C-alpha atoms as a PDB file:
ATOM      1  CA  MET A   1    -203.591  -6.019 -90.318  1.00  0.00           C
ATOM      2  CA  GLN A   2    -205.208  -4.566 -87.192  1.00  0.00           C
ATOM      3  CA  ASP A   3    -203.337  -1.667 -85.612  1.00  0.00           C
ATOM      4  CA  SER A   4    -202.887  -3.051 -82.059  1.00  0.00           C
ATOM      5  CA  ALA A   5    -202.875  -6.335 -80.161  1.00  0.00           C
ATOM      6  CA  LYS A   6    -202.043  -7.775 -76.779  1.00  0.00           C
ATOM      7  CA  LEU A   7    -198.864  -9.704 -76.147  1.00  0.00           C
ATOM      8  CA  GLY A   8    -199.184 -13.120 -77.827  1.00  0.00           C
ATOM      9  CA  GLU A   9    -202.588 -12.309 -79.332  1.00  0.00           C
ATOM     10  CA  ARG A  10    -203.420 -13.920 -82.680  1.00  0.00           C
ATOM     11  CA  VAL A  11    -203.414 -11.332 -85.483  1.00  0.00           C
ATOM     12  CA  GLY A  12    -204.292 -11.751 -89.158  1.00  0.00           C
ATOM     13  CA  TYR A  13    -202.109 -10.208 -91.885  1.00  0.00           C
ATOM     14  CA  VAL A  14    -203.747 -10.174 -95.335  1.00  0.00           C
ATOM     15  CA  LEU A  15    -201.463 -10.193 -98.376  1.00  0.00           C
ATOM     16  CA  LYS A  16    -203.121  -9.593-101.778  1.00  0.00           C
ATOM     17  CA  ALA A  17    -201.706  -9.335-105.277  1.00  0.00           C
ATOM     18  CA  SER A  18    -203.223  -8.489-108.671  1.00  0.00           C
ATOM     19  CA  TYR A  19    -201.135  -9.277-111.744  1.00  0.00           C
ATOM     20  CA  PRO A  20    -201.400 -10.269-115.411  1.00  0.00           C
ATOM     21  CA  GLU A  21    -202.361 -13.858-116.062  1.00  0.00           C
ATOM     22  CA  SER A  22    -199.034 -14.537-117.831  1.00  0.00           C
ATOM     23  CA  VAL A  23    -196.985 -13.593-114.748  1.00  0.00           C
ATOM     24  CA  GLN A  24    -196.002 -16.077-112.055  1.00  0.00           C
ATOM     25  CA  ILE A  25    -195.725 -14.931-108.434  1.00  0.00           C
ATOM     26  CA  ILE A  26    -194.861 -16.585-105.124  1.00  0.00           C
ATOM     27  CA  PHE A  27    -195.972 -15.583-101.629  1.00  0.00           C
ATOM     28  CA  PRO A  28    -193.723 -16.167 -98.587  1.00  0.00           C
ATOM     29  CA  ASP A  29    -194.030 -19.569 -96.922  1.00  0.00           C
ATOM     30  CA  SER A  30    -193.227 -20.813 -93.411  1.00  0.00           C
ATOM     31  CA  THR A  31    -189.465 -20.579 -94.052  1.00  0.00           C
ATOM     32  CA  PHE A  32    -189.668 -16.784 -94.267  1.00  0.00           C
ATOM     33  CA  ASP A  33    -188.369 -14.747 -91.323  1.00  0.00           C
ATOM     34  CA  PHE A  34    -191.444 -13.045 -89.844  1.00  0.00           C
ATOM     35  CA  SER A  35    -189.557 -11.488 -86.931  1.00  0.00           C
ATOM     36  CA  PRO A  36    -190.312  -9.729 -84.686  1.00  0.00           C
ATOM     37  CA  LEU A  37    -193.607 -11.613 -85.130  1.00  0.00           C
ATOM     38  CA  VAL A  38    -194.125 -15.380 -85.027  1.00  0.00           C
ATOM     39  CA  LEU A  39    -196.082 -17.267 -87.699  1.00  0.00           C
ATOM     40  CA  LEU A  40    -198.914 -19.400 -86.304  1.00  0.00           C
ATOM     41  CA  GLU A  41    -200.827 -20.388 -89.430  1.00  0.00           C
ATOM     42  CA  LYS A  42    -201.082 -19.613 -93.123  1.00  0.00           C
ATOM     43  CA  LYS A  43    -204.375 -19.743 -95.043  1.00  0.00           C
ATOM     44  CA  THR A  44    -204.258 -19.578 -98.845  1.00  0.00           C
ATOM     45  CA  PHE A  45    -207.230 -18.874-101.117  1.00  0.00           C
ATOM     46  CA  ILE A  46    -207.845 -20.044-104.690  1.00  0.00           C
ATOM     47  CA  SER A  47    -206.648 -17.666-107.402  1.00  0.00           C
ATOM     48  CA  HIS A  48    -209.300 -15.736-109.310  1.00  0.00           C
ATOM     49  CA  THR A  49    -208.747 -14.572-112.898  1.00  0.00           C
ATOM     50  CA  GLU A  50    -210.973 -12.106-114.720  1.00  0.00           C
ATOM     51  CA  GLU A  51    -210.166 -10.327-117.988  1.00  0.00           C
ATOM     52  CA  SER A  52    -206.574 -11.701-117.927  1.00  0.00           C
ATOM     53  CA  ILE A  53    -205.957 -10.265-114.439  1.00  0.00           C
ATOM     54  CA  THR A  54    -205.331 -12.751-111.639  1.00  0.00           C
ATOM     55  CA  GLN A  55    -205.947 -12.008-107.987  1.00  0.00           C
ATOM     56  CA  ASP A  56    -204.292 -13.980-105.161  1.00  0.00           C
ATOM     57  CA  SER A  57    -204.706 -13.561-101.428  1.00  0.00           C
ATOM     58  CA  THR A  58    -203.248 -15.227 -98.347  1.00  0.00           C
ATOM     59  CA  VAL A  59    -203.897 -14.655 -94.651  1.00  0.00           C
ATOM     60  CA  TYR A  60    -200.954 -15.052 -92.272  1.00  0.00           C
ATOM     61  CA  TYR A  61    -201.917 -15.512 -88.636  1.00  0.00           C
ATOM     62  CA  LEU A  62    -199.191 -14.104 -86.412  1.00  0.00           C
ATOM     63  CA  SER A  63    -198.425 -13.401 -82.755  1.00  0.00           C
ATOM     64  CA  ASN A  64    -196.286 -10.681 -81.237  1.00  0.00           C
ATOM     65  CA  PHE A  65    -194.079 -11.508 -78.247  1.00  0.00           C
ATOM     66  CA  SER A  66    -191.919  -8.401 -78.444  1.00  0.00           C
ATOM     67  CA  LEU A  67    -192.180  -5.795 -75.662  1.00  0.00           C
ATOM     68  CA  ASP A  68    -191.407  -2.971 -78.065  1.00  0.00           C
ATOM     69  CA  PRO A  69    -194.205  -0.375 -78.263  1.00  0.00           C
ATOM     70  CA  SER A  70    -194.601  -1.002 -82.001  1.00  0.00           C
ATOM     71  CA  SER A  71    -193.678  -3.827 -84.354  1.00  0.00           C
ATOM     72  CA  TYR A  72    -193.513  -3.492 -88.128  1.00  0.00           C
ATOM     73  CA  LEU A  73    -194.027  -6.050 -90.855  1.00  0.00           C
ATOM     74  CA  THR A  74    -194.126  -6.085 -94.639  1.00  0.00           C
ATOM     75  CA  LEU A  75    -194.208  -9.326 -96.598  1.00  0.00           C
ATOM     76  CA  PRO A  76    -192.744  -9.470-100.109  1.00  0.00           C
ATOM     77  CA  VAL A  77    -194.307 -10.859-103.261  1.00  0.00           C
ATOM     78  CA  TYR A  78    -191.845 -12.559-105.625  1.00  0.00           C
ATOM     79  CA  GLU A  79    -192.382 -12.206-109.375  1.00  0.00           C
ATOM     80  CA  LEU A  80    -190.583 -15.017-111.200  1.00  0.00           C
ATOM     81  CA  ALA A  81    -188.479 -13.884-114.160  1.00  0.00           C
ATOM     82  CA  ARG A  82    -186.493 -16.021-116.581  1.00  0.00           C
ATOM     83  CA  TYR A  83    -183.169 -15.854-114.758  1.00  0.00           C
ATOM     84  CA  ASP A  84    -184.063 -14.035-111.549  1.00  0.00           C
ATOM     85  CA  SER A  85    -187.013 -12.777-109.552  1.00  0.00           C
ATOM     86  CA  ILE A  86    -188.432  -9.335-108.851  1.00  0.00           C
ATOM     87  CA  VAL A  87    -189.468  -8.531-105.286  1.00  0.00           C
ATOM     88  CA  HIS A  88    -192.487  -6.325-104.630  1.00  0.00           C
ATOM     89  CA  TYR A  89    -193.113  -4.923-101.140  1.00  0.00           C
ATOM     90  CA  PRO A  90    -196.453  -3.510 -99.938  1.00  0.00           C
ATOM     91  CA  LEU A  91    -196.659  -0.683 -97.423  1.00  0.00           C
ATOM     92  CA  GLU A  92    -195.242  -1.509 -94.011  1.00  0.00           C
ATOM     93  CA  ALA A  93    -197.883  -2.433 -91.442  1.00  0.00           C
ATOM     94  CA  GLU A  94    -197.559  -1.278 -87.832  1.00  0.00           C
ATOM     95  CA  LEU A  95    -198.768  -3.321 -84.873  1.00  0.00           C
ATOM     96  CA  LYS A  96    -198.858  -1.493 -81.556  1.00  0.00           C
ATOM     97  CA  LEU A  97    -198.498  -3.371 -78.298  1.00  0.00           C
ATOM     98  CA  LYS A  98    -201.629  -3.131 -76.189  1.00  0.00           C
ATOM     99  CA  LEU A  99    -200.657  -3.205 -72.504  1.00  0.00           C
ATOM    100  CA  THR A 100    -204.004  -3.327 -70.731  1.00  0.00           C
ATOM    101  CA  LEU A 101    -205.247  -5.270 -67.739  1.00  0.00           C
ATOM    102  CA  ASP A 102    -208.742  -6.505 -67.109  1.00  0.00           C
ATOM    103  CA  SER A 103    -210.577  -4.814 -64.291  1.00  0.00           C
ATOM    104  CA  ILE A 104    -209.457  -6.006 -60.865  1.00  0.00           C
ATOM    105  CA  PRO A 105    -212.266  -6.821 -58.407  1.00  0.00           C
ATOM    106  CA  GLU A 106    -212.265  -5.067 -55.048  1.00  0.00           C
ATOM    107  CA  GLN A 107    -212.206  -8.389 -53.226  1.00  0.00           C
ATOM    108  CA  LEU A 108    -210.288 -11.400 -54.420  1.00  0.00           C
ATOM    109  CA  VAL A 109    -212.350 -14.536 -54.782  1.00  0.00           C
ATOM    110  CA  PHE A 110    -210.552 -17.820 -54.244  1.00  0.00           C
ATOM    111  CA  GLN A 111    -211.900 -21.119 -55.410  1.00  0.00           C
ATOM    112  CA  GLU A 112    -212.251 -23.602 -52.591  1.00  0.00           C
ATOM    113  CA  ASN A 113    -210.567 -26.899 -53.280  1.00  0.00           C
ATOM    114  CA  ASN A 114    -209.410 -29.221 -50.534  1.00  0.00           C
ATOM    115  CA  ILE A 115    -208.705 -32.168 -52.852  1.00  0.00           C
ATOM    116  CA  TYR A 116    -205.063 -33.132 -52.927  1.00  0.00           C
ATOM    117  CA  GLN A 117    -203.557 -33.315 -56.360  1.00  0.00           C
ATOM    118  CA  THR A 118    -201.053 -36.074 -57.000  1.00  0.00           C
ATOM    119  CA  LEU A 119    -197.713 -34.877 -58.272  1.00  0.00           C
ATOM    120  CA  GLU A 120    -195.885 -36.779 -60.957  1.00  0.00           C
ATOM    121  CA  LYS A 121    -192.581 -38.108 -59.740  1.00  0.00           C
ATOM    122  CA  SER A 122    -189.768 -37.302 -62.103  1.00  0.00           C
ATOM    123  CA  PHE A 123    -187.066 -39.836 -62.813  1.00  0.00           C
ATOM    124  CA  ASN A 124    -183.739 -39.354 -61.117  1.00  0.00           C
ATOM    125  CA  TRP A 125    -181.613 -39.586 -64.224  1.00  0.00           C
ATOM    126  CA  ILE A 126    -178.371 -39.359 -62.269  1.00  0.00           C
ATOM    127  CA  ILE A 127    -179.134 -42.521 -60.287  1.00  0.00           C
ATOM    128  CA  ILE A 128    -180.372 -44.295 -63.419  1.00  0.00           C
ATOM    129  CA  GLY A 129    -177.173 -43.312 -65.220  1.00  0.00           C
ATOM    130  CA  ILE A 130    -175.034 -44.631 -62.360  1.00  0.00           C
ATOM    131  CA  ILE A 131    -176.945 -47.938 -62.296  1.00  0.00           C
ATOM    132  CA  LEU A 132    -176.609 -48.364 -66.053  1.00  0.00           C
ATOM    133  CA  GLY A 133    -172.909 -47.525 -65.826  1.00  0.00           C
ATOM    134  CA  VAL A 134    -172.355 -50.141 -63.105  1.00  0.00           C
ATOM    135  CA  ILE A 135    -174.250 -52.752 -65.141  1.00  0.00           C
ATOM    136  CA  LEU A 136    -172.159 -51.930 -68.208  1.00  0.00           C
ATOM    137  CA  VAL A 137    -168.902 -52.241 -66.246  1.00  0.00           C
ATOM    138  CA  LEU A 138    -170.023 -55.591 -64.808  1.00  0.00           C
ATOM    139  CA  LEU A 139    -170.897 -56.878 -68.266  1.00  0.00           C
ATOM    140  CA  VAL A 140    -167.489 -55.831 -69.604  1.00  0.00           C
ATOM    141  CA  VAL A 141    -165.703 -57.485 -66.656  1.00  0.00           C
ATOM    142  CA  LEU A 142    -167.729 -60.683 -67.045  1.00  0.00           C
ATOM    143  CA  TYR A 143    -167.009 -60.731 -70.755  1.00  0.00           C
ATOM    144  CA  PHE A 144    -163.250 -60.497 -70.256  1.00  0.00           C
ATOM    145  CA  LEU A 145    -163.368 -63.120 -67.503  1.00  0.00           C
ATOM    146  CA  PHE A 146    -165.463 -65.610 -69.440  1.00  0.00           C
ATOM    147  CA  ALA A 147    -164.843 -64.583 -73.065  1.00  0.00           C
ATOM    148  CA  ASP A 148    -163.013 -67.804 -73.932  1.00  0.00           C
ATOM    149  CA  LYS A 149    -165.670 -69.989 -72.322  1.00  0.00           C
ATOM    150  CA  ILE A 150    -168.425 -68.064 -74.082  1.00  0.00           C
ATOM    151  CA  GLN A 151    -166.688 -68.453 -77.441  1.00  0.00           C
ATOM    152  CA  GLU A 152    -166.164 -72.178 -76.882  1.00  0.00           C
ATOM    153  CA  TYR A 153    -169.810 -72.543 -75.855  1.00  0.00           C
ATOM    154  CA  TRP A 154    -171.053 -70.888 -79.032  1.00  0.00           C
ATOM    155  CA  LYS A 155    -168.569 -72.880 -81.093  1.00  0.00           C
ATOM    156  CA  GLU A 156    -169.998 -76.083 -79.608  1.00  0.00           C
ATOM    157  CA  ARG A 157    -173.584 -74.987 -80.333  1.00  0.00           C
ATOM    158  CA  ARG A 158    -172.624 -74.022 -83.878  1.00  0.00           C
ATOM    159  CA  GLU A 159    -171.108 -77.452 -84.492  1.00  0.00           C
ATOM    160  CA  LYS A 160    -174.238 -79.144 -83.112  1.00  0.00           C
ATOM    161  CA  ARG A 161    -176.429 -77.141 -85.441  1.00  0.00           C
ATOM    162  CA  ARG A 162    -174.143 -77.848 -88.399  1.00  0.00           C
ATOM    163  CA  TRP A 163    -174.169 -81.590 -87.632  1.00  0.00           C
ATOM    164  CA  ALA A 164    -177.955 -81.658 -87.341  1.00  0.00           C
ATOM    165  CA  GLN A 165    -178.299 -79.930 -90.714  1.00  0.00           C
ATOM    166  CA  PHE A 166    -175.769 -82.256 -92.322  1.00  0.00           C
ATOM    167  CA  GLU A 167    -177.379 -85.402 -90.896  1.00  0.00           C
ATOM    168  CA  LYS A 168    -180.823 -84.321 -92.091  1.00  0.00           C
ATOM    169  CA  ARG A 169    -179.597 -83.570 -95.620  1.00  0.00           C
ATOM    170  CA  TRP A 170    -177.531 -86.774 -95.660  1.00  0.00           C
ATOM    171  CA  LYS A 171    -180.528 -88.964 -94.859  1.00  0.00           C
ATOM    172  CA  THR A 172    -182.552 -87.230 -97.560  1.00  0.00           C
ATOM    173  CA  GLN A 173    -179.872 -87.524-100.260  1.00  0.00           C
ATOM    174  CA  THR A 174    -178.925 -91.127 -99.452  1.00  0.00           C
ATOM    175  CA  ALA A 175    -182.596 -92.130 -99.509  1.00  0.00           C
ATOM    176  CA  LEU A 176    -182.895 -90.620-102.986  1.00  0.00           C
ATOM    177  CA  LEU A 177    -179.740 -92.469-104.034  1.00  0.00           C
ATOM    178  CA  SER A 178    -181.136 -95.790-102.794  1.00  0.00           C
ATOM    179  CA  GLU A 179    -184.505 -95.291-104.490  1.00  0.00           C
ATOM    180  CA  ASN A 180    -183.123 -94.049-107.772  1.00  0.00           C
ATOM    181  CA  PRO A 181    -179.374 -94.599-108.246  1.00  0.00           C
ATOM    182  CA  SER A 182    -178.076 -92.017-110.670  1.00  0.00           C
ATOM    183  CA  ILE A 183    -174.931 -90.101-111.426  1.00  0.00           C
ATOM    184  CA  GLU A 184    -176.513 -86.865-110.148  1.00  0.00           C
ATOM    185  CA  ALA A 185    -177.627 -88.405-106.839  1.00  0.00           C
ATOM    186  CA  ALA A 186    -174.248 -90.098-106.251  1.00  0.00           C
ATOM    187  CA  ASP A 187    -172.371 -86.894-107.038  1.00  0.00           C
ATOM    188  CA  GLU A 188    -174.624 -84.963-104.633  1.00  0.00           C
ATOM    189  CA  VAL A 189    -173.954 -87.465-101.805  1.00  0.00           C
ATOM    190  CA  ILE A 190    -170.168 -87.391-102.252  1.00  0.00           C
ATOM    191  CA  GLY A 191    -170.152 -83.584-102.490  1.00  0.00           C
ATOM    192  CA  LEU A 192    -172.235 -83.286 -99.308  1.00  0.00           C
ATOM    193  CA  TRP A 193    -169.929 -85.617 -97.343  1.00  0.00           C
ATOM    194  CA  LYS A 194    -166.740 -83.962 -98.588  1.00  0.00           C
ATOM    195  CA  GLY A 195    -168.104 -80.509 -97.757  1.00  0.00           C
ATOM    196  CA  TYR A 196    -168.950 -81.461 -94.174  1.00  0.00           C
ATOM    197  CA  MET A 197    -165.656 -83.277 -93.613  1.00  0.00           C
ATOM    198  CA  GLU A 198    -163.749 -80.270 -94.923  1.00  0.00           C
ATOM    199  CA  SER A 199    -165.615 -77.915 -92.568  1.00  0.00           C
ATOM    200  CA  ILE A 200    -164.971 -80.051 -89.491  1.00  0.00           C
ATOM    201  CA  THR A 201    -161.381 -81.162 -90.205  1.00  0.00           C
ATOM    202  CA  LYS A 202    -160.188 -77.973 -91.915  1.00  0.00           C
ATOM    203  CA  LEU A 203    -158.578 -80.163 -94.592  1.00  0.00           C
ATOM    204  CA  PRO A 204    -159.052 -79.636 -98.360  1.00  0.00           C
ATOM    205  CA  VAL A 205    -161.168 -82.781 -98.642  1.00  0.00           C
ATOM    206  CA  LYS A 206    -163.167 -81.501-101.626  1.00  0.00           C
ATOM    207  CA  GLU A 207    -159.966 -81.193-103.661  1.00  0.00           C
ATOM    208  CA  TRP A 208    -158.835 -84.771-102.993  1.00  0.00           C
ATOM    209  CA  THR A 209    -159.760 -87.882-104.921  1.00  0.00           C
ATOM    210  CA  SER A 210    -161.217 -90.911-103.171  1.00  0.00           C
ATOM    211  CA  SER A 211    -157.805 -92.607-102.966  1.00  0.00           C
ATOM    212  CA  GLU A 212    -156.182 -89.425-101.622  1.00  0.00           C
ATOM    213  CA  ILE A 213    -158.845 -89.099 -98.923  1.00  0.00           C
ATOM    214  CA  GLY A 214    -158.299 -92.686 -97.776  1.00  0.00           C
ATOM    215  CA  GLU A 215    -154.542 -92.158 -97.755  1.00  0.00           C
ATOM    216  CA  ARG A 216    -154.559 -88.756 -95.989  1.00  0.00           C
ATOM    217  CA  MET A 217    -157.054 -89.937 -93.364  1.00  0.00           C
ATOM    218  CA  ASP A 218    -155.239 -93.256 -93.015  1.00  0.00           C
ATOM    219  CA  ASN A 219    -158.446 -95.233 -93.434  1.00  0.00           C
ATOM    220  CA  VAL A 220    -158.760 -97.622 -96.357  1.00  0.00           C
ATOM    221  CA  GLU A 221    -162.436 -98.254 -95.540  1.00  0.00           C
ATOM    222  CA  ILE A 222    -163.222 -94.633 -96.411  1.00  0.00           C
ATOM    223  CA  PHE A 223    -161.632 -95.211 -99.810  1.00  0.00           C
ATOM    224  CA  LYS A 224    -163.718 -98.374-100.317  1.00  0.00           C
ATOM    225  CA  ALA A 225    -166.945 -96.576 -99.369  1.00  0.00           C
ATOM    226  CA  LEU A 226    -166.239 -93.639-101.657  1.00  0.00           C
ATOM    227  CA  ARG A 227    -165.179 -96.073-104.374  1.00  0.00           C
ATOM    228  CA  ALA A 228    -168.514 -97.886-104.091  1.00  0.00           C
ATOM    229  CA  ILE A 229    -170.366 -94.625-104.712  1.00  0.00           C
ATOM    230  CA  ASP A 230    -167.916 -93.661-107.471  1.00  0.00           C
ATOM    231  CA  LEU A 231    -168.885 -96.855-109.270  1.00  0.00           C
ATOM    232  CA  ILE A 232    -172.423 -95.486-109.563  1.00  0.00           C
ATOM    233  CA  ILE A 233    -171.038 -92.434-111.314  1.00  0.00           C
ATOM    234  CA  TYR A 234    -168.539 -94.165-113.587  1.00  0.00           C
ATOM    235  CA  ALA A 235    -169.852 -97.732-113.948  1.00  0.00           C
ATOM    236  CA  GLY A 236    -173.525 -97.574-112.979  1.00  0.00           C
ATOM    237  CA  GLU A 237    -173.146-100.104-110.140  1.00  0.00           C
ATOM    238  CA  SER A 238    -175.284 -99.434-107.048  1.00  0.00           C
ATOM    239  CA  SER A 239    -175.369-102.695-105.107  1.00  0.00           C
ATOM    240  CA  LYS A 240    -173.247-101.482-102.170  1.00  0.00           C
ATOM    241  CA  SER A 241    -174.337 -97.837-102.046  1.00  0.00           C
ATOM    242  CA  GLU A 242    -176.410 -98.168 -98.855  1.00  0.00           C
ATOM    243  CA  GLU A 243    -173.576 -99.894 -96.960  1.00  0.00           C
ATOM    244  CA  ALA A 244    -171.113 -97.268 -98.176  1.00  0.00           C
ATOM    245  CA  THR A 245    -173.274 -94.281 -97.203  1.00  0.00           C
ATOM    246  CA  THR A 246    -173.883 -95.760 -93.739  1.00  0.00           C
ATOM    247  CA  TYR A 247    -170.137 -96.095 -93.174  1.00  0.00           C
ATOM    248  CA  LEU A 248    -169.423 -92.560 -94.421  1.00  0.00           C
ATOM    249  CA  LEU A 249    -172.056 -91.195 -92.035  1.00  0.00           C
ATOM    250  CA  GLU A 250    -170.355 -92.990 -89.140  1.00  0.00           C
ATOM    251  CA  VAL A 251    -166.990 -91.506 -90.139  1.00  0.00           C
ATOM    252  CA  ALA A 252    -168.527 -88.026 -90.157  1.00  0.00           C
ATOM    253  CA  ARG A 253    -170.177 -88.713 -86.783  1.00  0.00           C
ATOM    254  CA  GLU A 254    -166.871 -89.842 -85.242  1.00  0.00           C
ATOM    255  CA  ASN A 255    -165.122 -86.683 -86.442  1.00  0.00           C
ATOM    256  CA  TYR A 256    -167.971 -84.534 -85.121  1.00  0.00           C
ATOM    257  CA  GLN A 257    -167.925 -86.223 -81.702  1.00  0.00           C
ATOM    258  CA  GLU A 258    -164.143 -85.984 -81.538  1.00  0.00           C
ATOM    259  CA  LYS A 259    -164.288 -82.257 -82.217  1.00  0.00           C
ATOM    260  CA  GLN A 260    -167.062 -81.730 -79.659  1.00  0.00           C
ATOM    261  CA  THR A 261    -165.062 -83.618 -77.017  1.00  0.00           C
ATOM    262  CA  LYS A 262    -162.023 -81.486 -77.759  1.00  0.00           C
ATOM    263  CA  THR A 263    -164.084 -78.288 -77.507  1.00  0.00           C
ATOM    264  CA  THR A 264    -165.582 -79.401 -74.169  1.00  0.00           C
ATOM    265  CA  HIS A 265    -162.133 -80.112 -72.721  1.00  0.00           C
ATOM    266  CA  GLU A 266    -160.839 -76.738 -73.914  1.00  0.00           C
ATOM    267  CA  ARG A 267    -163.793 -74.975 -72.302  1.00  0.00           C
ATOM    268  CA  ALA A 268    -163.253 -76.806 -69.010  1.00  0.00           C
ATOM    269  CA  ALA A 269    -159.553 -75.933 -69.020  1.00  0.00           C
ATOM    270  CA  VAL A 270    -160.157 -72.189 -69.384  1.00  0.00           C
END
């Protein structure tokens, strides 16, 4: 390493090692404490082996920002052993601080420049923070004032989406049942209807038989419609399946509209 440098000047420190080919060594990396100097860059060269002796070299580019007259540095070389490592230190290198000034001219020369330079306007983070805080408080207040209405609104939208999905699947499944009456298609239609009715009425419709559904919902026509589809499953009869599925869809629609009307009234009353 050179013997002197200016404050902050880039200085190269060369670390070399010669060792038997069977030995493994490690040079310091960027995690090493180079103080009082600061590591700028590390340049490593390819190892060279001749007659079972390997030579390694690395150049560390450093800068000195200490105001001490002299700074000292010695970088270790680690020899890897089986259970530990052996540290080898070269001679300590001294770097003297060069405090010199360039020659000062007798007359100062100023560069003429009458062009105005635009200054970047910095953000006023305090004002931005206050504005964001006010907005947050307003949002919280609005939420507590209209929380029930917001929940009812989303509940209504959720029911609309659920009805649209059910109606689309219902038309698809009933069309398949009409084209090709089968036990699988009939079972799919009944399961789809029971699932939707259970979700909208909160009753265990899927656990009830056709007669229990008609009795619990106090509607014998529901029982007849379900019975007509049941006949496809148990007796292979399909003559009244289209009439039955149309009626079941209307029952589901009435329950959906009744629930939507109730939700709208609850939202208006809040």
